[in-house]
Amino acid sequence: MIRIKEGFKGQRLVTLPENLMSDCATDPLIGNLYIRKIGYFPHVKYHYISKQQGVAYAMLIYCTEGVGWVNIDNQTMMVKSDEYIILPPHTPYAFWADEEHPWTIYWIHFCGRVADAFIPHPVTPYPIGRGLESRIQYRLDLFEEMYQAFSHGYIRDYMTYSSMCLHYFLASFRWVTQYRHIVAVNHQGDELLDRVIYYMNEHLQTQLRLEDIASHFHYSVSHFSMLFKEKTGMSPIRYFLHMKVQKACELIELSNLKLNEVANILGFEEPAYFTRIFTNVMGMTPSQYRRAERPQQTNRTTTRRKTSDT
């Protein structure tokens, strides 16, 4: 079995010196809870970490795609898309990516006097299901904010800010019902269009039907379609397909996924149908888009093929 700790295509992580971390531990403002290390690993095949002596920090692993495995207390557990697990300090564990469907994970090492309060019990994967009030994208945006602030952690104010955000970020997992309820209350006065688009964005990996969307918002199909088209100038399903294509562009440009894998992630059962929709929206095929946006990678692939043929 191939085992790789780090060094994956598209990975991002930030580590700061231990002496800086020691200063954080004694800081009266952030000593209760602070980030030690933070990162994002996309589609990390052969990813494997083992901490047989345990570590002095807790670790959040948030899986947004694929599958991984965690072994702790002699129990092996699957962690799949839209699930998270928090591994406690001073406990031996190991975790690894599934070989067929390797996970994409956002992760944080965190420490502090109150860190244990953010670790749910039992230690097991917990679901972060998708829905109108799930606020998944908001949570990921908050992660990016922490990541950027922590990357400037040599400047004390940025370190402080990243750790202040960490309270909110961990709370969005630990008290997920309350996190969702707040936005449910706030959405009561929102425009229908905003709520529908949010709902669509949370279901890009599915095959939503017009009937599903209309029913969710308690409208008849005809009335819902009329209201949506008045606001956007296009039908709900056409708009939904445009959102899928937008996400496809992101995956094609930022990952090494095969085009049929991109299609599958976005709920297209037939790659040919995905290609047709993509071409209709973007004016070029997915292959042409990849060549246009990632020419260096294409050149490297071509070079490797030529080399292997000689």
Protein backbone atom coordinates (compact mmCIF):
# COMPACT_ATOMS: atom_id res chain seq x y z
CA MET A 1 0.00 0.00 0.00
CA ILE A 2 1.38 3.40 -1.03
CA ARG A 3 1.39 5.87 1.87
CA ILE A 4 1.90 9.62 1.51
CA LYS A 5 1.74 12.17 4.33
CA GLU A 6 1.85 15.40 2.30
CA GLY A 7 2.80 16.71 -1.13
CA PHE A 8 -0.48 16.33 -3.02
CA LYS A 9 -1.51 18.26 -6.11
CA GLY A 10 -3.53 21.30 -5.07
CA GLN A 11 -2.87 20.93 -1.34
CA ARG A 12 -2.56 23.98 0.87
CA LEU A 13 -1.30 24.18 4.42
CA VAL A 14 0.22 26.67 6.83
CA THR A 15 2.58 25.82 9.69
CA LEU A 16 4.13 28.32 12.08
CA PRO A 17 7.20 27.87 14.34
CA GLU A 18 6.78 26.10 17.68
CA ASN A 19 8.11 29.10 19.63
CA LEU A 20 5.23 31.15 18.22
CA MET A 21 2.81 28.43 19.26
CA SER A 22 4.25 28.48 22.78
CA ASP A 23 3.58 32.20 22.96
CA CYS A 24 -0.04 31.56 21.95
CA ALA A 25 -0.48 29.06 24.77
CA THR A 26 0.36 31.71 27.37
CA ASP A 27 -1.50 34.55 25.68
CA PRO A 28 -4.38 35.72 27.94
CA LEU A 29 -6.58 36.46 24.93
CA ILE A 30 -6.16 33.39 22.70
CA GLY A 31 -4.59 30.85 25.06
CA ASN A 32 -8.00 29.26 25.55
CA LEU A 33 -8.26 28.23 21.89
CA TYR A 34 -5.87 28.76 19.00
CA ILE A 35 -4.85 27.25 15.66
CA ARG A 36 -1.64 25.24 15.47
CA LYS A 37 -1.78 24.21 11.81
CA ILE A 38 -4.38 24.45 9.05
CA GLY A 39 -4.78 22.97 5.58
CA TYR A 40 -6.83 21.70 2.67
CA PHE A 41 -6.13 18.44 0.81
CA PRO A 42 -8.13 17.77 -2.40
CA HIS A 43 -8.67 14.20 -3.70
CA VAL A 44 -5.61 12.92 -1.81
CA LYS A 45 -5.12 9.36 -2.98
CA TYR A 46 -2.76 7.31 -0.76
CA HIS A 47 -2.99 9.91 2.03
CA TYR A 48 -1.99 8.24 5.32
CA ILE A 49 -1.19 9.59 8.79
CA SER A 50 -0.36 7.57 11.91
CA LYS A 51 0.13 9.01 15.40
CA GLN A 52 0.76 5.92 17.51
CA GLN A 53 1.97 7.95 20.49
CA GLY A 54 -0.81 10.50 20.24
CA VAL A 55 -0.24 14.24 19.92
CA ALA A 56 -0.67 17.29 22.14
CA TYR A 57 -3.35 18.90 19.97
CA ALA A 58 -6.86 18.11 18.74
CA MET A 59 -7.57 17.74 15.03
CA LEU A 60 -10.73 18.52 13.07
CA ILE A 61 -11.15 16.64 9.78
CA TYR A 62 -14.02 17.87 7.61
CA CYS A 63 -14.65 15.71 4.53
CA THR A 64 -16.44 17.43 1.64
CA GLU A 65 -15.93 14.76 -1.05
CA GLY A 66 -14.91 11.12 -1.27
CA VAL A 67 -14.21 8.71 1.57
CA GLY A 68 -11.57 8.26 4.27
CA TRP A 69 -10.97 5.99 7.24
CA VAL A 70 -10.07 6.69 10.86
CA ASN A 71 -8.76 4.17 13.39
CA ILE A 72 -8.95 5.18 17.03
CA ASP A 73 -9.33 3.08 20.19
CA ASN A 74 -8.97 -0.07 18.03
CA GLN A 75 -12.06 0.91 16.04
CA THR A 76 -11.98 1.73 12.32
CA MET A 77 -14.63 4.15 11.07
CA MET A 78 -15.54 5.43 7.61
CA VAL A 79 -15.67 9.21 7.13
CA LYS A 80 -17.53 10.17 3.99
CA SER A 81 -18.61 13.31 2.17
CA ASP A 82 -20.38 15.89 4.36
CA GLU A 83 -19.10 14.39 7.60
CA TYR A 84 -16.56 15.52 10.16
CA ILE A 85 -14.65 14.00 13.04
CA ILE A 86 -12.59 15.64 15.78
CA LEU A 87 -9.67 13.57 17.06
CA PRO A 88 -8.77 14.27 20.70
CA PRO A 89 -5.24 14.95 21.95
CA HIS A 90 -3.10 12.35 23.74
CA THR A 91 -4.85 9.47 21.96
CA PRO A 92 -3.18 7.20 19.38
CA TYR A 93 -4.87 7.21 15.98
CA ALA A 94 -4.36 6.73 12.27
CA PHE A 95 -6.34 7.92 9.27
CA TRP A 96 -6.12 7.43 5.53
CA ALA A 97 -7.90 8.11 2.25
CA ASP A 98 -9.94 5.47 0.48
CA GLU A 99 -8.01 4.25 -2.57
CA GLU A 100 -10.96 4.19 -4.96
CA HIS A 101 -12.70 7.36 -3.76
CA PRO A 102 -10.04 9.43 -1.93
CA TRP A 103 -11.37 12.14 0.29
CA THR A 104 -11.12 15.91 0.04
CA ILE A 105 -10.63 17.36 3.51
CA TYR A 106 -10.37 20.65 5.31
CA TRP A 107 -8.43 20.18 8.54
CA ILE A 108 -7.23 22.13 11.57
CA HIS A 109 -4.92 21.30 14.46
CA PHE A 110 -6.09 23.27 17.48
CA CYS A 111 -5.00 23.68 21.11
CA GLY A 112 -5.93 25.65 24.17
CA ARG A 113 -7.33 25.44 27.66
CA VAL A 114 -10.91 25.00 26.44
CA ALA A 115 -10.15 22.86 23.36
CA ASP A 116 -11.72 19.77 24.94
CA ALA A 117 -15.08 21.54 25.09
CA PHE A 118 -15.25 21.50 21.31
CA ILE A 119 -14.68 17.74 21.00
CA PRO A 120 -18.00 15.85 20.80
CA HIS A 121 -18.37 12.46 22.46
CA PRO A 122 -18.29 9.75 21.41
CA VAL A 123 -15.42 10.32 18.98
CA THR A 124 -17.11 9.31 15.74
CA PRO A 125 -17.98 10.85 12.36
CA TYR A 126 -20.87 13.32 12.53
CA PRO A 127 -23.00 14.32 9.51
CA ILE A 128 -23.21 17.83 8.09
CA GLY A 129 -26.19 17.31 5.80
CA ARG A 130 -27.07 19.66 2.98
CA GLY A 131 -30.25 21.69 2.91
CA LEU A 132 -31.64 25.20 2.77
CA GLU A 133 -30.27 26.12 6.21
CA SER A 134 -27.02 24.10 6.18
CA ARG A 135 -24.77 27.13 5.46
CA ILE A 136 -22.02 24.91 4.12
CA GLN A 137 -20.55 27.51 1.79
CA TYR A 138 -20.58 30.08 4.58
CA ARG A 139 -18.55 27.68 6.74
CA LEU A 140 -16.03 27.13 3.92
CA ASP A 141 -15.73 30.89 3.42
CA LEU A 142 -14.97 31.23 7.12
CA PHE A 143 -12.29 28.55 6.77
CA GLU A 144 -10.66 30.57 3.98
CA GLU A 145 -10.73 33.66 6.18
CA MET A 146 -9.01 31.79 9.01
CA TYR A 147 -6.51 30.28 6.58
CA GLN A 148 -5.51 33.66 5.18
CA ALA A 149 -5.27 35.26 8.61
CA PHE A 150 -3.21 32.36 10.00
CA SER A 151 -0.85 32.54 7.03
CA HIS A 152 0.04 36.04 8.30
CA GLY A 153 0.43 34.69 11.83
CA TYR A 154 3.91 36.15 12.30
CA ILE A 155 2.01 39.39 12.82
CA ARG A 156 0.35 38.95 16.20
CA ASP A 157 -2.94 40.66 15.32
CA TYR A 158 -3.52 38.21 12.45
CA MET A 159 -2.84 35.27 14.73
CA THR A 160 -5.30 36.69 17.23
CA TYR A 161 -7.94 37.20 14.58
CA SER A 162 -7.59 33.68 13.17
CA SER A 163 -8.01 32.17 16.63
CA MET A 164 -11.03 34.34 17.38
CA CYS A 165 -12.63 33.04 14.19
CA LEU A 166 -11.81 29.48 15.28
CA HIS A 167 -14.37 29.70 18.11
CA TYR A 168 -17.13 30.40 15.61
CA PHE A 169 -15.88 27.83 13.11
CA LEU A 170 -15.74 24.97 15.61
CA ALA A 171 -19.07 26.01 17.10
CA SER A 172 -20.66 25.62 13.65
CA PHE A 173 -19.83 21.89 13.89
CA ARG A 174 -20.26 21.29 17.61
CA TRP A 175 -23.61 23.10 17.82
CA VAL A 176 -24.78 22.59 14.27
CA THR A 177 -28.51 22.71 15.11
CA GLN A 178 -28.18 26.18 16.58
CA TYR A 179 -25.90 27.28 13.73
CA ARG A 180 -28.61 26.31 11.24
CA HIS A 181 -31.54 27.60 13.25
CA ILE A 182 -30.19 31.14 13.26
CA VAL A 183 -30.10 31.33 9.48
CA ALA A 184 -33.54 29.70 9.27
CA VAL A 185 -34.92 32.57 11.34
CA ASN A 186 -33.04 35.15 9.28
CA HIS A 187 -34.31 33.68 6.02
CA GLN A 188 -37.96 34.19 6.90
CA GLY A 189 -37.89 37.68 5.47
CA ASP A 190 -35.53 36.98 2.58
CA GLU A 191 -36.46 37.12 -1.06
CA LEU A 192 -37.61 33.83 -2.52
CA LEU A 193 -34.93 34.00 -5.22
CA ASP A 194 -32.09 34.18 -2.68
CA ARG A 195 -33.41 31.13 -0.86
CA VAL A 196 -33.93 29.15 -4.06
CA ILE A 197 -30.41 29.86 -5.32
CA TYR A 198 -28.99 28.88 -1.95
CA TYR A 199 -30.99 25.65 -2.08
CA MET A 200 -29.74 24.90 -5.59
CA ASN A 201 -26.14 25.56 -4.60
CA GLU A 202 -26.45 23.05 -1.76
CA HIS A 203 -27.72 20.39 -4.17
CA LEU A 204 -25.30 20.70 -7.10
CA GLN A 205 -24.34 17.03 -6.72
CA THR A 206 -27.91 15.85 -7.19
CA GLN A 207 -30.42 15.68 -10.03
CA LEU A 208 -33.00 18.14 -8.78
CA ARG A 209 -36.28 18.15 -10.67
CA LEU A 210 -38.48 21.19 -11.05
CA GLU A 211 -41.13 19.40 -9.00
CA ASP A 212 -38.63 18.90 -6.15
CA ILE A 213 -37.73 22.58 -5.96
CA ALA A 214 -41.29 23.86 -6.25
CA SER A 215 -42.51 21.42 -3.62
CA HIS A 216 -39.71 22.36 -1.21
CA PHE A 217 -40.85 26.00 -1.32
CA HIS A 218 -44.56 25.07 -1.24
CA TYR A 219 -45.47 26.31 -4.70
CA SER A 220 -47.14 24.70 -7.65
CA VAL A 221 -44.76 23.99 -10.52
CA SER A 222 -46.36 26.52 -12.84
CA HIS A 223 -46.51 29.35 -10.29
CA PHE A 224 -42.98 28.72 -9.09
CA SER A 225 -41.61 28.67 -12.64
CA MET A 226 -43.36 31.94 -13.43
CA LEU A 227 -41.99 33.67 -10.31
CA PHE A 228 -38.45 32.42 -10.91
CA LYS A 229 -38.41 33.38 -14.58
CA GLU A 230 -39.67 36.86 -13.76
CA LYS A 231 -36.64 37.36 -11.49
CA THR A 232 -33.93 35.71 -13.62
CA GLY A 233 -35.14 35.57 -17.20
CA MET A 234 -34.66 31.81 -17.37
CA SER A 235 -36.33 28.66 -16.11
CA PRO A 236 -35.32 27.19 -12.72
CA ILE A 237 -33.77 24.07 -14.25
CA ARG A 238 -31.83 26.03 -16.84
CA TYR A 239 -30.47 28.23 -14.04
CA PHE A 240 -29.60 25.13 -12.00
CA LEU A 241 -27.69 23.66 -14.95
CA HIS A 242 -25.78 26.93 -15.34
CA MET A 243 -24.75 26.66 -11.68
CA LYS A 244 -23.58 23.08 -12.27
CA VAL A 245 -21.47 24.21 -15.22
CA GLN A 246 -19.98 27.00 -13.11
CA LYS A 247 -18.96 24.42 -10.51
CA ALA A 248 -17.64 22.14 -13.27
CA CYS A 249 -15.36 24.96 -14.48
CA GLU A 250 -13.95 25.25 -10.97
CA LEU A 251 -13.29 21.50 -10.71
CA ILE A 252 -11.75 21.30 -14.18
CA GLU A 253 -9.49 24.27 -13.54
CA LEU A 254 -8.42 23.51 -9.96
CA SER A 255 -8.23 19.71 -9.83
CA ASN A 256 -6.86 16.76 -11.78
CA LEU A 257 -10.19 14.97 -11.90
CA LYS A 258 -11.06 13.23 -15.13
CA LEU A 259 -13.93 14.83 -17.01
CA ASN A 260 -16.20 11.85 -16.41
CA GLU A 261 -15.43 12.17 -12.68
CA VAL A 262 -16.43 15.83 -12.78
CA ALA A 263 -19.66 14.85 -14.50
CA ASN A 264 -20.36 12.20 -11.87
CA ILE A 265 -19.69 14.57 -8.95
CA LEU A 266 -22.24 17.00 -10.39
CA GLY A 267 -24.93 14.39 -10.82
CA PHE A 268 -24.66 13.80 -14.57
CA GLU A 269 -25.17 10.08 -15.17
CA GLU A 270 -24.23 10.38 -18.86
CA PRO A 271 -20.89 12.09 -19.68
CA ALA A 272 -22.24 12.91 -23.14
CA TYR A 273 -25.12 14.88 -21.62
CA PHE A 274 -22.67 16.72 -19.36
CA THR A 275 -20.54 17.62 -22.39
CA ARG A 276 -23.58 18.85 -24.27
CA ILE A 277 -24.78 21.07 -21.40
CA PHE A 278 -21.28 22.39 -20.73
CA THR A 279 -20.73 23.24 -24.40
CA ASN A 280 -24.09 24.95 -24.64
CA VAL A 281 -23.31 27.20 -21.67
CA MET A 282 -19.58 27.84 -22.18
CA GLY A 283 -19.33 27.72 -25.96
CA MET A 284 -16.61 25.05 -25.80
CA THR A 285 -16.33 21.44 -24.68
CA PRO A 286 -14.96 20.54 -21.24
CA SER A 287 -11.76 19.27 -22.90
CA GLN A 288 -11.32 22.55 -24.76
CA TYR A 289 -11.93 24.46 -21.53
CA ARG A 290 -9.25 22.46 -19.70
CA ARG A 291 -6.73 23.06 -22.50
CA ALA A 292 -7.52 26.77 -22.49
CA GLU A 293 -7.34 27.24 -18.73
CA ARG A 294 -4.53 24.78 -17.92
CA PRO A 295 -2.22 24.84 -20.95
CA GLN A 296 0.92 24.05 -18.93
CA GLN A 297 -0.61 20.89 -17.50
CA THR A 298 -1.75 19.85 -20.97
CA ASN A 299 1.77 20.39 -22.31
CA ARG A 300 3.26 18.33 -19.49
CA THR A 301 0.79 15.52 -20.17
CA THR A 302 1.65 15.56 -23.86
CA THR A 303 5.38 15.54 -23.09
CA ARG A 304 5.01 12.55 -20.77
CA ARG A 305 3.12 10.66 -23.45
CA LYS A 306 5.76 11.39 -26.05
CA THR A 307 8.51 10.32 -23.66
CA SER A 308 6.74 7.07 -22.87
CA ASP A 309 6.38 6.35 -26.59
CA THR A 310 10.12 6.69 -27.31
